[in-house]
Amino acid sequence: WGMRIPGWPVAFCAWTGAGFLVSILPYAVLSTVLDAAH
């Protein structure tokens, strides 16, 4: 049934989700490093 979905909503959801993950990962790493340093 996924073949009947137009490509643009799939691409939009994938890019938006990836954007949220990419923006939170450096924060999580930096937060962990700073917490360990303190």
PDB file of all heavy atoms in Angstrom:
ATOM      1  N   TRP A   1       0.821  -1.210   0.000  1.00  0.00           N
ATOM      2  CA  TRP A   1       0.000   0.000   0.000  1.00  0.00           C
ATOM      3  C   TRP A   1       0.857   1.262   0.000  1.00  0.00           C
ATOM      4  O   TRP A   1       0.391   2.337  -0.380  1.00  0.00           O
ATOM      5  CB  TRP A   1      -0.993   0.021   1.159  1.00  0.00           C
ATOM      6  CG  TRP A   1      -0.400  -0.165   2.528  1.00  0.00           C
ATOM      7  CD1 TRP A   1      -0.312  -1.328   3.224  1.00  0.00           C
ATOM      8  CD2 TRP A   1       0.179   0.843   3.373  1.00  0.00           C
ATOM      9  NE1 TRP A   1       0.293  -1.117   4.445  1.00  0.00           N
ATOM     10  CE2 TRP A   1       0.598   0.209   4.560  1.00  0.00           C
ATOM     11  CE3 TRP A   1       0.389   2.215   3.233  1.00  0.00           C
ATOM     12  CZ2 TRP A   1       1.209   0.896   5.601  1.00  0.00           C
ATOM     13  CZ3 TRP A   1       1.000   2.899   4.272  1.00  0.00           C
ATOM     14  CH2 TRP A   1       1.392   2.236   5.443  1.00  0.00           C
ATOM     15  N   GLY A   2       2.115   1.157   0.407  1.00  0.00           N
ATOM     16  CA  GLY A   2       3.004   2.315   0.410  1.00  0.00           C
ATOM     17  C   GLY A   2       3.325   2.815  -0.985  1.00  0.00           C
ATOM     18  O   GLY A   2       3.680   3.983  -1.163  1.00  0.00           O
ATOM     19  N   MET A   3       3.173   1.941  -1.989  1.00  0.00           N
ATOM     20  CA  MET A   3       3.440   2.355  -3.376  1.00  0.00           C
ATOM     21  C   MET A   3       2.393   3.342  -3.887  1.00  0.00           C
ATOM     22  O   MET A   3       2.632   4.053  -4.850  1.00  0.00           O
ATOM     23  CB  MET A   3       3.484   1.128  -4.290  1.00  0.00           C
ATOM     24  CG  MET A   3       4.638   0.186  -3.996  1.00  0.00           C
ATOM     25  SD  MET A   3       6.239   0.945  -4.267  1.00  0.00           S
ATOM     26  CE  MET A   3       6.231   1.051  -6.040  1.00  0.00           C
ATOM     27  N   ARG A   4       1.234   3.384  -3.235  1.00  0.00           N
ATOM     28  CA  ARG A   4       0.174   4.306  -3.661  1.00  0.00           C
ATOM     29  C   ARG A   4       0.325   5.702  -3.064  1.00  0.00           C
ATOM     30  O   ARG A   4      -0.393   6.616  -3.441  1.00  0.00           O
ATOM     31  CB  ARG A   4      -1.195   3.713  -3.291  1.00  0.00           C
ATOM     32  CG  ARG A   4      -1.530   2.464  -4.073  1.00  0.00           C
ATOM     33  CD  ARG A   4      -2.968   2.041  -3.841  1.00  0.00           C
ATOM     34  NE  ARG A   4      -3.199   1.634  -2.469  1.00  0.00           N
ATOM     35  CZ  ARG A   4      -3.221   0.378  -2.043  1.00  0.00           C
ATOM     36  NH1 ARG A   4      -3.005  -0.593  -2.877  1.00  0.00           N
ATOM     37  NH2 ARG A   4      -3.471   0.104  -0.784  1.00  0.00           N
ATOM     38  N   ILE A   5       1.251   5.864  -2.145  1.00  0.00           N
ATOM     39  CA  ILE A   5       1.471   7.166  -1.519  1.00  0.00           C
ATOM     40  C   ILE A   5       2.389   7.988  -2.424  1.00  0.00           C
ATOM     41  O   ILE A   5       3.427   7.499  -2.857  1.00  0.00           O
ATOM     42  CB  ILE A   5       2.111   7.006  -0.125  1.00  0.00           C
ATOM     43  CG1 ILE A   5       1.197   6.193   0.782  1.00  0.00           C
ATOM     44  CG2 ILE A   5       2.410   8.368   0.487  1.00  0.00           C
ATOM     45  CD1 ILE A   5       1.819   5.872   2.124  1.00  0.00           C
ATOM     46  N   PRO A   6       2.017   9.242  -2.715  1.00  0.00           N
ATOM     47  CA  PRO A   6       2.916  10.081  -3.522  1.00  0.00           C
ATOM     48  C   PRO A   6       4.269  10.241  -2.827  1.00  0.00           C
ATOM     49  O   PRO A   6       4.375  10.168  -1.604  1.00  0.00           O
ATOM     50  CB  PRO A   6       2.188  11.424  -3.603  1.00  0.00           C
ATOM     51  CG  PRO A   6       0.778  11.135  -3.247  1.00  0.00           C
ATOM     52  CD  PRO A   6       0.787   9.929  -2.356  1.00  0.00           C
ATOM     53  N   GLY A   7       5.287  10.487  -3.595  1.00  0.00           N
ATOM     54  CA  GLY A   7       6.643  10.565  -3.057  1.00  0.00           C
ATOM     55  C   GLY A   7       6.892  11.757  -2.159  1.00  0.00           C
ATOM     56  O   GLY A   7       7.668  11.666  -1.207  1.00  0.00           O
ATOM     57  N   TRP A   8       6.243  12.898  -2.428  1.00  0.00           N
ATOM     58  CA  TRP A   8       6.578  14.102  -1.667  1.00  0.00           C
ATOM     59  C   TRP A   8       6.210  13.995  -0.181  1.00  0.00           C
ATOM     60  O   TRP A   8       6.981  14.468   0.663  1.00  0.00           O
ATOM     61  CB  TRP A   8       5.996  15.361  -2.317  1.00  0.00           C
ATOM     62  CG  TRP A   8       4.511  15.481  -2.258  1.00  0.00           C
ATOM     63  CD1 TRP A   8       3.620  15.076  -3.201  1.00  0.00           C
ATOM     64  CD2 TRP A   8       3.748  16.046  -1.204  1.00  0.00           C
ATOM     65  NE1 TRP A   8       2.340  15.338  -2.798  1.00  0.00           N
ATOM     66  CE2 TRP A   8       2.391  15.935  -1.566  1.00  0.00           C
ATOM     67  CE3 TRP A   8       4.067  16.619   0.022  1.00  0.00           C
ATOM     68  CZ2 TRP A   8       1.365  16.375  -0.741  1.00  0.00           C
ATOM     69  CZ3 TRP A   8       3.044  17.068   0.826  1.00  0.00           C
ATOM     70  CH2 TRP A   8       1.708  16.945   0.443  1.00  0.00           C
ATOM     71  N   PRO A   9       5.066  13.381   0.241  1.00  0.00           N
ATOM     72  CA  PRO A   9       4.840  13.293   1.688  1.00  0.00           C
ATOM     73  C   PRO A   9       5.835  12.347   2.369  1.00  0.00           C
ATOM     74  O   PRO A   9       6.243  12.590   3.505  1.00  0.00           O
ATOM     75  CB  PRO A   9       3.416  12.776   1.841  1.00  0.00           C
ATOM     76  CG  PRO A   9       2.838  12.656   0.503  1.00  0.00           C
ATOM     77  CD  PRO A   9       3.897  12.922  -0.502  1.00  0.00           C
ATOM     78  N   VAL A  10       6.208  11.287   1.668  1.00  0.00           N
ATOM     79  CA  VAL A  10       7.189  10.358   2.232  1.00  0.00           C
ATOM     80  C   VAL A  10       8.529  11.070   2.405  1.00  0.00           C
ATOM     81  O   VAL A  10       9.161  10.983   3.466  1.00  0.00           O
ATOM     82  CB  VAL A  10       7.329   9.109   1.329  1.00  0.00           C
ATOM     83  CG1 VAL A  10       8.449   8.213   1.816  1.00  0.00           C
ATOM     84  CG2 VAL A  10       6.012   8.344   1.266  1.00  0.00           C
ATOM     85  N   ALA A  11       8.967  11.778   1.383  1.00  0.00           N
ATOM     86  CA  ALA A  11      10.235  12.506   1.457  1.00  0.00           C
ATOM     87  C   ALA A  11      10.184  13.592   2.528  1.00  0.00           C
ATOM     88  O   ALA A  11      11.145  13.774   3.293  1.00  0.00           O
ATOM     89  CB  ALA A  11      10.569  13.110   0.103  1.00  0.00           C
ATOM     90  N   PHE A  12       9.063  14.321   2.611  1.00  0.00           N
ATOM     91  CA  PHE A  12       8.939  15.380   3.616  1.00  0.00           C
ATOM     92  C   PHE A  12       9.050  14.809   5.028  1.00  0.00           C
ATOM     93  O   PHE A  12       9.785  15.339   5.866  1.00  0.00           O
ATOM     94  CB  PHE A  12       7.600  16.122   3.452  1.00  0.00           C
ATOM     95  CG  PHE A  12       7.359  17.143   4.517  1.00  0.00           C
ATOM     96  CD1 PHE A  12       8.005  18.362   4.474  1.00  0.00           C
ATOM     97  CD2 PHE A  12       6.500  16.882   5.574  1.00  0.00           C
ATOM     98  CE1 PHE A  12       7.789  19.313   5.468  1.00  0.00           C
ATOM     99  CE2 PHE A  12       6.284  17.816   6.569  1.00  0.00           C
ATOM    100  CZ  PHE A  12       6.930  19.030   6.513  1.00  0.00           C
ATOM    101  N   CYS A  13       8.328  13.727   5.305  1.00  0.00           N
ATOM    102  CA  CYS A  13       8.375  13.114   6.644  1.00  0.00           C
ATOM    103  C   CYS A  13       9.765  12.574   6.952  1.00  0.00           C
ATOM    104  O   CYS A  13      10.269  12.730   8.069  1.00  0.00           O
ATOM    105  CB  CYS A  13       7.342  11.998   6.760  1.00  0.00           C
ATOM    106  SG  CYS A  13       5.649  12.589   6.751  1.00  0.00           S
ATOM    107  N   ALA A  14      10.406  11.948   5.971  1.00  0.00           N
ATOM    108  CA  ALA A  14      11.742  11.408   6.182  1.00  0.00           C
ATOM    109  C   ALA A  14      12.750  12.525   6.453  1.00  0.00           C
ATOM    110  O   ALA A  14      13.566  12.431   7.382  1.00  0.00           O
ATOM    111  CB  ALA A  14      12.167  10.578   4.980  1.00  0.00           C
ATOM    112  N   TRP A  15      12.695  13.598   5.676  1.00  0.00           N
ATOM    113  CA  TRP A  15      13.632  14.700   5.865  1.00  0.00           C
ATOM    114  C   TRP A  15      13.373  15.441   7.174  1.00  0.00           C
ATOM    115  O   TRP A  15      14.304  15.856   7.858  1.00  0.00           O
ATOM    116  CB  TRP A  15      13.568  15.673   4.686  1.00  0.00           C
ATOM    117  CG  TRP A  15      14.381  15.199   3.526  1.00  0.00           C
ATOM    118  CD1 TRP A  15      13.919  14.554   2.420  1.00  0.00           C
ATOM    119  CD2 TRP A  15      15.788  15.301   3.362  1.00  0.00           C
ATOM    120  NE1 TRP A  15      14.952  14.261   1.576  1.00  0.00           N
ATOM    121  CE2 TRP A  15      16.117  14.704   2.127  1.00  0.00           C
ATOM    122  CE3 TRP A  15      16.811  15.835   4.139  1.00  0.00           C
ATOM    123  CZ2 TRP A  15      17.424  14.632   1.662  1.00  0.00           C
ATOM    124  CZ3 TRP A  15      18.105  15.762   3.661  1.00  0.00           C
ATOM    125  CH2 TRP A  15      18.398  15.165   2.440  1.00  0.00           C
ATOM    126  N   THR A  16      12.111  15.617   7.532  1.00  0.00           N
ATOM    127  CA  THR A  16      11.786  16.294   8.785  1.00  0.00           C
ATOM    128  C   THR A  16      12.264  15.471   9.969  1.00  0.00           C
ATOM    129  O   THR A  16      12.869  16.003  10.905  1.00  0.00           O
ATOM    130  CB  THR A  16      10.273  16.549   8.879  1.00  0.00           C
ATOM    131  OG1 THR A  16       9.865  17.312   7.750  1.00  0.00           O
ATOM    132  CG2 THR A  16       9.918  17.287  10.150  1.00  0.00           C
ATOM    133  N   GLY A  17      11.993  14.171   9.944  1.00  0.00           N
ATOM    134  CA  GLY A  17      12.452  13.299  11.027  1.00  0.00           C
ATOM    135  C   GLY A  17      13.965  13.280  11.136  1.00  0.00           C
ATOM    136  O   GLY A  17      14.532  13.343  12.230  1.00  0.00           O
ATOM    137  N   ALA A  18      14.640  13.212   9.996  1.00  0.00           N
ATOM    138  CA  ALA A  18      16.098  13.233  10.000  1.00  0.00           C
ATOM    139  C   ALA A  18      16.608  14.576  10.527  1.00  0.00           C
ATOM    140  O   ALA A  18      17.609  14.631  11.251  1.00  0.00           O
ATOM    141  CB  ALA A  18      16.634  12.974   8.597  1.00  0.00           C
ATOM    142  N   GLY A  19      15.920  15.647  10.196  1.00  0.00           N
ATOM    143  CA  GLY A  19      16.315  16.969  10.695  1.00  0.00           C
ATOM    144  C   GLY A  19      16.217  17.071  12.201  1.00  0.00           C
ATOM    145  O   GLY A  19      17.099  17.636  12.855  1.00  0.00           O
ATOM    146  N   PHE A  20      15.165  16.498  12.783  1.00  0.00           N
ATOM    147  CA  PHE A  20      15.055  16.487  14.243  1.00  0.00           C
ATOM    148  C   PHE A  20      16.170  15.666  14.867  1.00  0.00           C
ATOM    149  O   PHE A  20      16.766  16.062  15.879  1.00  0.00           O
ATOM    150  CB  PHE A  20      13.696  15.938  14.693  1.00  0.00           C
ATOM    151  CG  PHE A  20      12.587  16.935  14.604  1.00  0.00           C
ATOM    152  CD1 PHE A  20      11.476  16.686  13.816  1.00  0.00           C
ATOM    153  CD2 PHE A  20      12.637  18.124  15.305  1.00  0.00           C
ATOM    154  CE1 PHE A  20      10.445  17.594  13.730  1.00  0.00           C
ATOM    155  CE2 PHE A  20      11.607  19.044  15.229  1.00  0.00           C
ATOM    156  CZ  PHE A  20      10.510  18.787  14.433  1.00  0.00           C
ATOM    157  N   LEU A  21      16.473  14.512  14.292  1.00  0.00           N
ATOM    158  CA  LEU A  21      17.530  13.664  14.845  1.00  0.00           C
ATOM    159  C   LEU A  21      18.902  14.309  14.714  1.00  0.00           C
ATOM    160  O   LEU A  21      19.692  14.283  15.660  1.00  0.00           O
ATOM    161  CB  LEU A  21      17.528  12.299  14.149  1.00  0.00           C
ATOM    162  CG  LEU A  21      16.405  11.364  14.545  1.00  0.00           C
ATOM    163  CD1 LEU A  21      16.466  10.104  13.705  1.00  0.00           C
ATOM    164  CD2 LEU A  21      16.468  11.027  16.017  1.00  0.00           C
ATOM    165  N   VAL A  22      19.189  14.886  13.560  1.00  0.00           N
ATOM    166  CA  VAL A  22      20.497  15.489  13.349  1.00  0.00           C
ATOM    167  C   VAL A  22      20.703  16.670  14.289  1.00  0.00           C
ATOM    168  O   VAL A  22      21.802  16.885  14.790  1.00  0.00           O
ATOM    169  CB  VAL A  22      20.667  15.912  11.869  1.00  0.00           C
ATOM    170  CG1 VAL A  22      21.864  16.814  11.669  1.00  0.00           C
ATOM    171  CG2 VAL A  22      20.791  14.673  10.998  1.00  0.00           C
ATOM    172  N   SER A  23      19.649  17.399  14.586  1.00  0.00           N
ATOM    173  CA  SER A  23      19.813  18.558  15.467  1.00  0.00           C
ATOM    174  C   SER A  23      19.934  18.150  16.931  1.00  0.00           C
ATOM    175  O   SER A  23      20.567  18.865  17.716  1.00  0.00           O
ATOM    176  CB  SER A  23      18.648  19.527  15.288  1.00  0.00           C
ATOM    177  OG  SER A  23      17.439  18.914  15.686  1.00  0.00           O
ATOM    178  N   ILE A  24      19.368  17.027  17.342  1.00  0.00           N
ATOM    179  CA  ILE A  24      19.413  16.643  18.752  1.00  0.00           C
ATOM    180  C   ILE A  24      20.659  15.831  19.090  1.00  0.00           C
ATOM    181  O   ILE A  24      21.129  15.855  20.229  1.00  0.00           O
ATOM    182  CB  ILE A  24      18.120  15.891  19.161  1.00  0.00           C
ATOM    183  CG1 ILE A  24      17.925  15.899  20.671  1.00  0.00           C
ATOM    184  CG2 ILE A  24      18.124  14.475  18.672  1.00  0.00           C
ATOM    185  CD1 ILE A  24      17.570  17.227  21.252  1.00  0.00           C
ATOM    186  N   LEU A  25      21.230  15.111  18.126  1.00  0.00           N
ATOM    187  CA  LEU A  25      22.387  14.262  18.418  1.00  0.00           C
ATOM    188  C   LEU A  25      23.611  15.042  18.891  1.00  0.00           C
ATOM    189  O   LEU A  25      24.222  14.672  19.892  1.00  0.00           O
ATOM    190  CB  LEU A  25      22.721  13.376  17.220  1.00  0.00           C
ATOM    191  CG  LEU A  25      21.749  12.216  17.004  1.00  0.00           C
ATOM    192  CD1 LEU A  25      22.112  11.455  15.745  1.00  0.00           C
ATOM    193  CD2 LEU A  25      21.712  11.289  18.186  1.00  0.00           C
ATOM    194  N   PRO A  26      24.007  16.133  18.215  1.00  0.00           N
ATOM    195  CA  PRO A  26      25.168  16.888  18.744  1.00  0.00           C
ATOM    196  C   PRO A  26      24.902  17.452  20.138  1.00  0.00           C
ATOM    197  O   PRO A  26      25.803  17.480  20.979  1.00  0.00           O
ATOM    198  CB  PRO A  26      25.362  18.018  17.732  1.00  0.00           C
ATOM    199  CG  PRO A  26      24.717  17.527  16.491  1.00  0.00           C
ATOM    200  CD  PRO A  26      23.586  16.660  16.929  1.00  0.00           C
ATOM    201  N   TYR A  27      23.665  17.868  20.401  1.00  0.00           N
ATOM    202  CA  TYR A  27      23.320  18.369  21.733  1.00  0.00           C
ATOM    203  C   TYR A  27      23.484  17.269  22.774  1.00  0.00           C
ATOM    204  O   TYR A  27      24.033  17.520  23.860  1.00  0.00           O
ATOM    205  CB  TYR A  27      21.885  18.904  21.744  1.00  0.00           C
ATOM    206  CG  TYR A  27      21.379  19.160  23.138  1.00  0.00           C
ATOM    207  CD1 TYR A  27      21.773  20.295  23.829  1.00  0.00           C
ATOM    208  CD2 TYR A  27      20.531  18.258  23.767  1.00  0.00           C
ATOM    209  CE1 TYR A  27      21.331  20.528  25.127  1.00  0.00           C
ATOM    210  CE2 TYR A  27      20.085  18.483  25.053  1.00  0.00           C
ATOM    211  CZ  TYR A  27      20.483  19.618  25.729  1.00  0.00           C
ATOM    212  OH  TYR A  27      20.057  19.836  26.996  1.00  0.00           O
ATOM    213  N   ALA A  28      23.027  16.068  22.470  1.00  0.00           N
ATOM    214  CA  ALA A  28      23.135  14.962  23.418  1.00  0.00           C
ATOM    215  C   ALA A  28      24.593  14.625  23.699  1.00  0.00           C
ATOM    216  O   ALA A  28      24.982  14.404  24.853  1.00  0.00           O
ATOM    217  CB  ALA A  28      22.392  13.746  22.886  1.00  0.00           C
ATOM    218  N   VAL A  29      25.413  14.593  22.663  1.00  0.00           N
ATOM    219  CA  VAL A  29      26.839  14.285  22.839  1.00  0.00           C
ATOM    220  C   VAL A  29      27.509  15.388  23.655  1.00  0.00           C
ATOM    221  O   VAL A  29      28.242  15.114  24.616  1.00  0.00           O
ATOM    222  CB  VAL A  29      27.528  14.105  21.470  1.00  0.00           C
ATOM    223  CG1 VAL A  29      29.035  14.024  21.630  1.00  0.00           C
ATOM    224  CG2 VAL A  29      26.995  12.876  20.772  1.00  0.00           C
ATOM    225  N   LEU A  30      27.266  16.638  23.284  1.00  0.00           N
ATOM    226  CA  LEU A  30      27.883  17.760  23.997  1.00  0.00           C
ATOM    227  C   LEU A  30      27.421  17.802  25.451  1.00  0.00           C
ATOM    228  O   LEU A  30      28.226  18.032  26.355  1.00  0.00           O
ATOM    229  CB  LEU A  30      27.546  19.076  23.291  1.00  0.00           C
ATOM    230  CG  LEU A  30      28.217  20.329  23.828  1.00  0.00           C
ATOM    231  CD1 LEU A  30      29.732  20.215  23.689  1.00  0.00           C
ATOM    232  CD2 LEU A  30      27.719  21.554  23.099  1.00  0.00           C
ATOM    233  N   SER A  31      26.163  17.566  25.691  1.00  0.00           N
ATOM    234  CA  SER A  31      25.635  17.557  27.049  1.00  0.00           C
ATOM    235  C   SER A  31      26.295  16.468  27.884  1.00  0.00           C
ATOM    236  O   SER A  31      26.640  16.681  29.055  1.00  0.00           O
ATOM    237  CB  SER A  31      24.123  17.353  27.006  1.00  0.00           C
ATOM    238  OG  SER A  31      23.604  17.186  28.292  1.00  0.00           O
ATOM    239  N   THR A  32      26.485  15.295  27.307  1.00  0.00           N
ATOM    240  CA  THR A  32      27.129  14.190  28.016  1.00  0.00           C
ATOM    241  C   THR A  32      28.585  14.524  28.339  1.00  0.00           C
ATOM    242  O   THR A  32      29.052  14.287  29.459  1.00  0.00           O
ATOM    243  CB  THR A  32      27.058  12.901  27.175  1.00  0.00           C
ATOM    244  OG1 THR A  32      25.685  12.621  26.898  1.00  0.00           O
ATOM    245  CG2 THR A  32      27.682  11.739  27.891  1.00  0.00           C
ATOM    246  N   VAL A  33      29.279  15.095  27.381  1.00  0.00           N
ATOM    247  CA  VAL A  33      30.688  15.442  27.590  1.00  0.00           C
ATOM    248  C   VAL A  33      30.809  16.526  28.663  1.00  0.00           C
ATOM    249  O   VAL A  33      31.655  16.431  29.568  1.00  0.00           O
ATOM    250  CB  VAL A  33      31.339  15.897  26.269  1.00  0.00           C
ATOM    251  CG1 VAL A  33      32.706  16.521  26.508  1.00  0.00           C
ATOM    252  CG2 VAL A  33      31.442  14.722  25.313  1.00  0.00           C
ATOM    253  N   LEU A  34      29.982  17.555  28.599  1.00  0.00           N
ATOM    254  CA  LEU A  34      30.045  18.625  29.592  1.00  0.00           C
ATOM    255  C   LEU A  34      29.656  18.133  30.979  1.00  0.00           C
ATOM    256  O   LEU A  34      30.235  18.555  31.980  1.00  0.00           O
ATOM    257  CB  LEU A  34      29.157  19.793  29.165  1.00  0.00           C
ATOM    258  CG  LEU A  34      29.653  20.583  27.950  1.00  0.00           C
ATOM    259  CD1 LEU A  34      28.637  21.645  27.558  1.00  0.00           C
ATOM    260  CD2 LEU A  34      31.013  21.195  28.225  1.00  0.00           C
ATOM    261  N   ASP A  35      28.662  17.238  31.050  1.00  0.00           N
ATOM    262  CA  ASP A  35      28.258  16.677  32.330  1.00  0.00           C
ATOM    263  C   ASP A  35      29.390  15.853  32.931  1.00  0.00           C
ATOM    264  O   ASP A  35      29.653  15.930  34.131  1.00  0.00           O
ATOM    265  CB  ASP A  35      27.001  15.815  32.157  1.00  0.00           C
ATOM    266  CG  ASP A  35      26.438  15.362  33.479  1.00  0.00           C
ATOM    267  OD1 ASP A  35      26.435  16.178  34.423  1.00  0.00           O
ATOM    268  OD2 ASP A  35      26.007  14.193  33.576  1.00  0.00           O
ATOM    269  N   ALA A  36      30.076  15.075  32.112  1.00  0.00           N
ATOM    270  CA  ALA A  36      31.204  14.268  32.593  1.00  0.00           C
ATOM    271  C   ALA A  36      32.352  15.173  33.047  1.00  0.00           C
ATOM    272  O   ALA A  36      33.051  14.875  34.028  1.00  0.00           O
ATOM    273  CB  ALA A  36      31.672  13.322  31.510  1.00  0.00           C
ATOM    274  N   ALA A  37      32.551  16.288  32.360  1.00  0.00           N
ATOM    275  CA  ALA A  37      33.620  17.212  32.719  1.00  0.00           C
ATOM    276  C   ALA A  37      33.372  17.908  34.058  1.00  0.00           C
ATOM    277  O   ALA A  37      34.298  18.270  34.768  1.00  0.00           O
ATOM    278  CB  ALA A  37      33.812  18.255  31.625  1.00  0.00           C
ATOM    279  N   HIS A  38      32.087  18.049  34.400  1.00  0.00           N
ATOM    280  CA  HIS A  38      31.733  18.701  35.672  1.00  0.00           C
ATOM    281  C   HIS A  38      31.466  17.708  36.787  1.00  0.00           C
ATOM    282  O   HIS A  38      30.784  18.025  37.766  1.00  0.00           O
ATOM    283  CB  HIS A  38      30.498  19.601  35.477  1.00  0.00           C
ATOM    284  CG  HIS A  38      30.815  20.841  34.704  1.00  0.00           C
ATOM    285  ND1 HIS A  38      30.329  21.028  33.430  1.00  0.00           N
ATOM    286  CD2 HIS A  38      31.573  21.913  35.005  1.00  0.00           C
ATOM    287  CE1 HIS A  38      30.773  22.201  32.986  1.00  0.00           C
ATOM    288  NE2 HIS A  38      31.526  22.756  33.912  1.00  0.00           N
TER     289      HIS A  38
END
